[in-house]
Protein backbone atom coordinates (compact mmCIF):
# COMPACT_ATOMS: atom_id res chain seq x y z
CA UNK A 1 -0.08 -0.02 0.01
CA UNK A 2 2.85 2.42 0.86
CA UNK A 3 4.68 1.38 -2.33
CA UNK A 4 1.73 2.15 -4.28
CA UNK A 5 1.18 5.55 -2.67
CA UNK A 6 4.78 6.49 -2.92
CA UNK A 7 4.64 5.41 -6.89
CA UNK A 8 1.54 7.67 -7.27
CA UNK A 9 3.10 10.87 -5.69
CA UNK A 10 6.24 10.18 -7.42
CA UNK A 11 4.43 9.99 -10.87
CA UNK A 12 2.38 13.22 -10.08
CA UNK A 13 5.57 15.07 -9.13
CA UNK A 14 7.27 13.77 -12.25
CA UNK A 15 4.13 15.10 -14.58
CA UNK A 16 4.34 18.42 -12.99
CA UNK A 17 7.95 18.70 -13.62
CA UNK A 18 7.52 17.59 -17.15
CA UNK A 19 5.05 20.00 -17.67
CA UNK A 20 6.76 22.89 -15.96
CA UNK A 21 9.79 22.13 -18.20
CA UNK A 22 8.00 21.83 -21.58
CA UNK A 23 5.42 24.76 -20.89
CA UNK A 24 7.62 27.64 -22.45
CA UNK A 25 7.75 25.55 -25.49
CA UNK A 26 4.35 24.24 -25.75
CA UNK A 27 3.53 26.66 -28.59
CA UNK A 28 6.73 25.38 -30.49
CA UNK A 29 5.82 21.89 -30.09
CA UNK A 30 2.20 22.40 -31.10
CA UNK A 31 3.31 24.39 -33.96
CA UNK A 32 5.58 21.71 -35.09
CA UNK A 33 2.69 19.19 -35.25
CA UNK A 34 0.76 21.58 -37.47
CA UNK A 35 3.59 21.86 -39.80
CA UNK A 36 4.31 18.30 -40.03
CA UNK A 37 0.56 17.83 -40.73
CA UNK A 38 0.46 20.51 -43.39
CA UNK A 39 3.60 19.40 -45.35
CA UNK A 40 3.55 15.69 -44.93
CA UNK A 41 2.11 15.14 -48.14
CA UNK A 42 5.05 17.09 -49.78
CA UNK A 43 7.30 15.18 -47.50
CA UNK A 44 5.85 11.98 -48.91
CA UNK A 45 6.28 12.79 -52.68
CA UNK A 46 10.05 13.82 -52.05
CA UNK A 47 10.72 10.81 -50.16
CA UNK A 48 9.20 8.33 -52.95
CA UNK A 49 11.82 9.94 -55.33
CA UNK A 50 14.70 10.26 -53.09
CA UNK A 51 14.03 7.09 -50.71
CA UNK A 52 15.97 8.82 -48.00
CA UNK A 53 14.02 10.05 -45.01
CA UNK A 54 16.81 12.33 -43.72
CA UNK A 55 17.34 14.00 -46.84
CA UNK A 56 13.60 14.33 -47.72
CA UNK A 57 12.65 15.63 -44.41
CA UNK A 58 15.65 18.41 -44.75
CA UNK A 59 14.52 19.34 -48.19
CA UNK A 60 11.00 19.87 -46.90
CA UNK A 61 12.24 21.90 -44.27
CA UNK A 62 14.14 24.14 -46.83
CA UNK A 63 10.95 24.42 -48.84
CA UNK A 64 8.92 25.65 -45.43
CA UNK A 65 11.78 28.33 -44.74
CA UNK A 66 11.23 29.70 -48.33
CA UNK A 67 7.49 29.69 -48.32
CA UNK A 68 7.30 30.95 -44.89
CA UNK A 69 10.23 32.91 -43.90
CA UNK A 70 11.00 35.21 -46.78
CA UNK A 71 7.21 36.50 -47.29
CA UNK A 72 7.07 36.84 -43.41
CA UNK A 73 9.99 39.07 -43.52
CA UNK A 74 8.71 41.31 -46.31
CA UNK A 75 5.52 41.50 -44.45
CA UNK A 76 7.01 42.26 -41.22
CA UNK A 77 8.93 45.06 -42.66
CA UNK A 78 5.94 46.62 -44.25
CA UNK A 79 3.97 46.13 -41.00
CA UNK A 80 6.39 48.05 -38.99
CA UNK A 81 6.31 50.84 -41.44
CA UNK A 82 2.74 50.96 -41.78
CA UNK A 83 2.20 50.74 -37.80
CA UNK A 84 4.17 53.74 -37.28
CA UNK A 85 2.59 55.56 -39.83
CA UNK A 86 -0.78 54.77 -38.36
CA UNK A 87 0.51 55.21 -34.90
CA UNK A 88 1.42 58.81 -35.66
CA UNK A 89 -1.70 59.76 -37.68
CA UNK A 90 -3.98 58.49 -34.77
CA UNK A 91 -1.72 60.39 -32.11
CA UNK A 92 -1.64 63.40 -34.07
CA UNK A 93 -4.98 63.86 -35.64
CA UNK A 94 -8.33 64.73 -33.93
CA UNK A 95 -10.93 62.41 -35.07
CA UNK A 96 -13.64 64.19 -33.27
CA UNK A 97 -13.76 67.05 -35.86
CA UNK A 98 -15.03 64.55 -38.51
CA UNK A 99 -17.39 62.88 -35.98
CA UNK A 100 -18.89 66.19 -34.73
CA UNK A 101 -19.90 66.91 -38.37
CA UNK A 102 -22.61 63.88 -38.26
CA UNK A 103 -23.23 63.44 -34.55
CA UNK A 104 -24.50 65.51 -31.66
CA UNK A 105 -21.97 67.00 -29.70
CA UNK A 106 -22.79 64.79 -26.53
CA UNK A 107 -21.50 61.87 -28.58
CA UNK A 108 -18.49 62.94 -30.56
CA UNK A 109 -15.97 63.10 -28.02
CA UNK A 110 -17.12 59.38 -27.08
CA UNK A 111 -17.15 57.99 -30.35
CA UNK A 112 -13.94 59.63 -31.25
CA UNK A 113 -12.43 58.04 -28.12
CA UNK A 114 -13.44 54.60 -29.08
CA UNK A 115 -12.19 54.94 -32.55
CA UNK A 116 -8.93 56.19 -30.85
CA UNK A 117 -8.44 53.37 -28.51
CA UNK A 118 -9.48 50.59 -30.96
CA UNK A 119 -6.65 52.03 -33.68
CA UNK A 120 -4.30 52.37 -30.96
CA UNK A 121 -5.01 48.85 -29.53
CA UNK A 122 -4.41 47.35 -32.93
CA UNK A 123 -1.06 49.23 -33.74
CA UNK A 124 0.16 48.51 -30.21
CA UNK A 125 -0.59 44.74 -30.77
CA UNK A 126 1.50 44.85 -34.02
CA UNK A 127 4.51 46.65 -32.52
CA UNK A 128 4.39 44.21 -29.72
CA UNK A 129 4.43 41.43 -31.92
CA UNK A 130 7.26 42.96 -34.07
CA UNK A 131 9.13 43.64 -30.72
CA UNK A 132 8.93 39.94 -29.59
CA UNK A 133 10.49 38.61 -32.92
CA UNK A 134 13.86 37.45 -31.33
CA UNK A 135 12.05 35.23 -29.29
CA UNK A 136 9.69 34.19 -32.01
CA UNK A 137 12.89 33.64 -33.90
CA UNK A 138 14.15 31.04 -31.39
CA UNK A 139 10.55 29.25 -30.87
CA UNK A 140 10.53 28.87 -34.85
CA UNK A 141 13.91 27.14 -34.75
CA UNK A 142 12.79 24.59 -31.97
CA UNK A 143 9.59 24.15 -34.20
CA UNK A 144 11.73 23.46 -37.34
CA UNK A 145 13.78 21.15 -35.37
CA UNK A 146 10.85 19.17 -33.98
CA UNK A 147 9.14 19.39 -37.59
CA UNK A 148 12.12 17.54 -39.00
CA UNK A 149 11.69 14.66 -36.86
CA UNK A 150 7.92 14.60 -37.01
CA UNK A 151 8.10 14.21 -40.62
CA UNK A 152 10.63 11.36 -40.89
CA UNK A 153 8.95 9.45 -37.91
CA UNK A 154 5.24 10.30 -38.68
CA UNK A 155 4.26 6.50 -39.30
CA UNK A 156 6.02 5.63 -35.91
CA UNK A 157 4.05 8.46 -33.97
CA UNK A 158 0.74 7.27 -35.83
CA UNK A 159 1.16 3.61 -34.79
CA UNK A 160 1.93 4.59 -31.07
CA UNK A 161 -1.36 6.61 -31.06
CA UNK A 162 -3.11 3.59 -32.44
CA UNK A 163 -1.63 1.19 -29.89
CA UNK A 164 -2.82 3.31 -26.91
CA UNK A 165 -6.54 3.59 -28.39
CA UNK A 166 -8.97 1.18 -26.57
CA UNK A 167 -10.88 0.12 -29.62
CA UNK A 168 -10.87 -2.41 -32.36
CA UNK A 169 -8.48 -1.87 -35.43
CA UNK A 170 -11.31 -1.03 -37.71
CA UNK A 171 -12.60 2.09 -35.16
CA UNK A 172 -8.83 3.05 -34.40
CA UNK A 173 -8.82 3.83 -38.24
CA UNK A 174 -12.02 5.50 -38.21
CA UNK A 175 -11.00 7.65 -35.11
CA UNK A 176 -7.76 8.72 -36.75
CA UNK A 177 -9.58 9.28 -40.13
CA UNK A 178 -12.03 11.38 -38.29
CA UNK A 179 -9.08 13.62 -36.55
CA UNK A 180 -7.38 14.08 -39.78
CA UNK A 181 -10.63 15.31 -41.39
CA UNK A 182 -11.29 17.65 -38.90
CA UNK A 183 -7.73 18.90 -38.56
CA UNK A 184 -7.61 19.46 -42.52
CA UNK A 185 -11.03 21.21 -42.07
CA UNK A 186 -9.61 23.72 -39.53
CA UNK A 187 -6.18 24.21 -41.20
CA UNK A 188 -7.45 24.31 -44.79
CA UNK A 189 -10.63 25.75 -44.25
CA UNK A 190 -10.57 28.21 -41.70
CA UNK A 191 -6.81 29.46 -41.63
CA UNK A 192 -6.27 29.45 -45.52
CA UNK A 193 -9.61 31.21 -45.87
CA UNK A 194 -8.42 33.70 -43.15
CA UNK A 195 -5.19 34.29 -45.23
CA UNK A 196 -6.97 34.82 -48.72
CA UNK A 197 -9.40 37.16 -47.19
CA UNK A 198 -6.63 39.17 -45.62
CA UNK A 199 -4.90 39.17 -48.80
CA UNK A 200 -7.84 40.27 -50.95
CA UNK A 201 -8.78 42.90 -48.11
CA UNK A 202 -5.31 44.48 -48.30
CA UNK A 203 -5.42 44.59 -52.24
CA UNK A 204 -9.01 46.15 -52.04
CA UNK A 205 -7.35 48.77 -49.77
CA UNK A 206 -4.85 49.51 -52.15
CA UNK A 207 -6.98 49.73 -55.22
CA UNK A 208 -9.07 52.34 -53.37
CA UNK A 209 -6.28 54.23 -52.06
CA UNK A 210 -6.88 53.66 -48.18
CA UNK A 211 -3.92 53.97 -46.12
CA UNK A 212 -1.88 51.09 -44.67
CA UNK A 213 -3.29 48.25 -46.53
CA UNK A 214 -0.76 45.85 -45.47
CA UNK A 215 -1.61 46.53 -41.83
CA UNK A 216 -5.41 46.24 -42.28
CA UNK A 217 -4.87 43.24 -44.66
CA UNK A 218 -3.15 41.58 -41.86
CA UNK A 219 -5.92 42.80 -39.26
CA UNK A 220 -8.86 41.35 -41.60
CA UNK A 221 -6.94 37.87 -41.64
CA UNK A 222 -7.27 37.82 -37.92
CA UNK A 223 -10.86 39.08 -37.78
CA UNK A 224 -12.03 36.77 -40.73
CA UNK A 225 -12.03 33.62 -38.08
CA UNK A 226 -14.48 35.58 -36.11
CA UNK A 227 -17.98 34.14 -36.91
CA UNK A 228 -20.71 36.23 -38.50
CA UNK A 229 -19.07 39.58 -38.43
CA UNK A 230 -15.69 38.45 -40.01
CA UNK A 231 -13.74 41.06 -41.99
CA UNK A 232 -16.80 43.49 -42.20
CA UNK A 233 -15.41 44.60 -38.81
CA UNK A 234 -12.45 46.52 -40.96
CA UNK A 235 -13.68 47.18 -44.25
CA UNK A 236 -17.30 48.48 -43.13
CA UNK A 237 -16.10 51.19 -40.81
CA UNK A 238 -13.17 51.94 -43.40
CA UNK A 239 -15.59 52.56 -46.06
CA UNK A 240 -17.80 54.88 -43.91
CA UNK A 241 -14.97 56.91 -42.70
CA UNK A 242 -14.26 57.53 -46.33
CA UNK A 243 -17.79 58.38 -47.10
CA UNK A 244 -17.80 60.92 -44.09
CA UNK A 245 -14.77 62.55 -45.57
CA UNK A 246 -16.40 62.93 -48.85
CA UNK A 247 -14.48 60.23 -50.81
CA UNK A 248 -17.49 58.38 -52.26
CA UNK A 249 -15.48 56.52 -54.80
CA UNK A 250 -13.43 54.98 -52.10
CA UNK A 251 -16.12 54.61 -49.46
CA UNK A 252 -18.68 52.96 -51.92
CA UNK A 253 -15.89 51.03 -53.64
CA UNK A 254 -14.36 49.21 -50.45
CA UNK A 255 -17.79 48.45 -49.17
CA UNK A 256 -18.76 46.73 -52.33
CA UNK A 257 -15.25 45.23 -52.78
CA UNK A 258 -15.56 43.90 -48.98
CA UNK A 259 -18.85 42.70 -49.31
CA UNK A 260 -18.94 40.87 -52.98
CA UNK A 261 -15.36 39.76 -53.10
CA UNK A 262 -13.88 39.47 -49.46
CA UNK A 263 -16.98 38.35 -47.62
CA UNK A 264 -18.10 35.95 -49.97
CA UNK A 265 -14.88 34.00 -49.79
CA UNK A 266 -16.29 31.80 -46.96
CA UNK A 267 -19.15 30.65 -49.20
CA UNK A 268 -17.15 29.82 -52.16
CA UNK A 269 -13.75 28.72 -50.85
CA UNK A 270 -14.62 26.95 -47.51
CA UNK A 271 -17.06 24.52 -49.04
CA UNK A 272 -14.34 23.40 -51.70
CA UNK A 273 -11.55 23.10 -49.32
CA UNK A 274 -13.26 21.19 -46.31
CA UNK A 275 -16.62 20.05 -47.59
CA UNK A 276 -19.94 19.94 -45.49
CA UNK A 277 -19.21 16.52 -43.69
CA UNK A 278 -16.01 18.13 -42.12
CA UNK A 279 -17.58 21.55 -41.23
CA UNK A 280 -16.87 23.00 -37.93
CA UNK A 281 -19.55 24.79 -35.90
CA UNK A 282 -18.91 28.69 -35.68
CA UNK A 283 -19.37 28.62 -31.75
CA UNK A 284 -16.39 26.00 -31.37
CA UNK A 285 -14.13 28.10 -33.71
CA UNK A 286 -14.87 31.57 -31.52
CA UNK A 287 -14.48 30.06 -28.31
CA UNK A 288 -11.62 28.01 -29.39
CA UNK A 289 -9.86 31.19 -30.85
CA UNK A 290 -10.42 33.27 -27.72
CA UNK A 291 -9.46 30.56 -25.40
CA UNK A 292 -6.63 29.44 -27.61
CA UNK A 293 -4.86 33.10 -27.74
CA UNK A 294 -5.31 33.54 -24.11
CA UNK A 295 -3.45 30.37 -23.32
CA UNK A 296 -1.06 29.64 -26.31
CA UNK A 297 -0.61 33.23 -28.04
CA UNK A 298 -0.87 33.31 -31.92
CA UNK A 299 -0.88 29.61 -32.37
CA UNK A 300 -3.61 29.34 -30.42
CA UNK A 301 -5.80 30.57 -33.48
CA UNK A 302 -5.35 27.15 -34.83
CA UNK A 303 -4.77 24.86 -31.85
CA UNK A 304 -7.81 26.31 -29.56
CA UNK A 305 -10.51 25.31 -32.05
CA UNK A 306 -8.65 22.31 -33.06
CA UNK A 307 -8.68 20.76 -29.58
CA UNK A 308 -12.50 21.71 -29.20
CA UNK A 309 -13.37 20.48 -32.60
CA UNK A 310 -11.35 16.98 -32.05
CA UNK A 311 -12.61 16.69 -28.57
CA UNK A 312 -16.26 17.01 -30.02
CA UNK A 313 -15.60 14.64 -32.75
CA UNK A 314 -14.23 11.92 -30.23
CA UNK A 315 -17.31 12.47 -27.88
CA UNK A 316 -19.61 11.74 -30.89
CA UNK A 317 -17.41 8.69 -31.79
CA UNK A 318 -17.55 7.49 -28.13
CA UNK A 319 -21.41 7.82 -28.11
CA UNK A 320 -21.91 5.68 -31.12
CA UNK A 321 -19.57 2.84 -29.85
């Protein structure tokens, strides 16, 4: 009895120490699983030709670097410049004069204060992201290091997961297939759609000569994952402000562009990427995003909804077994 009690306490202490050790690296570890999942099909194609898992994994990492690092450096440079420009504009321009033309004086100070605070929050968040780049670079190195081994040892990981599932072989395959489908739905459906909407939104801002298109495109990529509201949180107020300023071409142009092109991406691209059978409820996405961001930071945008979606699917499978 004493030995059993001692062993339980020892295991609990060990689990706590392991969690404490890896806690600062949780985002990097989870990011490596996401990258390995996304690029594993590419790894398989390379490995089928080369027949060397080490070389194939290394080549895949080089492709990841070319696809992620170089565009990211360009975007970060533009974000830094536009964030500074927007910050100076918000700091030195008084928006109350614009608002007071169309609203009663009792409300103009409150409205302009809300607008100023919202813009400053976005700019400060972007600035904080840029200042944290050295730490992000270290985390990204760890992510790539883990991704290398996850790619070349993927089948070993899958087999180990199957061994620990307490179901028949047929049910194990069904569970893993369902998890794969949900993961693909979230990554390719939600995240890729967000990138496309942010990219198109930035193009729309540039076409209609609205300042800081890269910054607002970046913000739209984030807001696009918010159910119902989505990118309209950005392009609709931008259009209204342009109309208030008398620029009807840019105002009506960005509103129509946002509604007809950016806003319809959900209905056009998502069904083709994920299909109806793997669709994820908007409530799961929203709660997962908020909780994931709070717990894991940027990677929580993906991991939060993914954890909830997979958990719900496992509950459904368990219910029918």
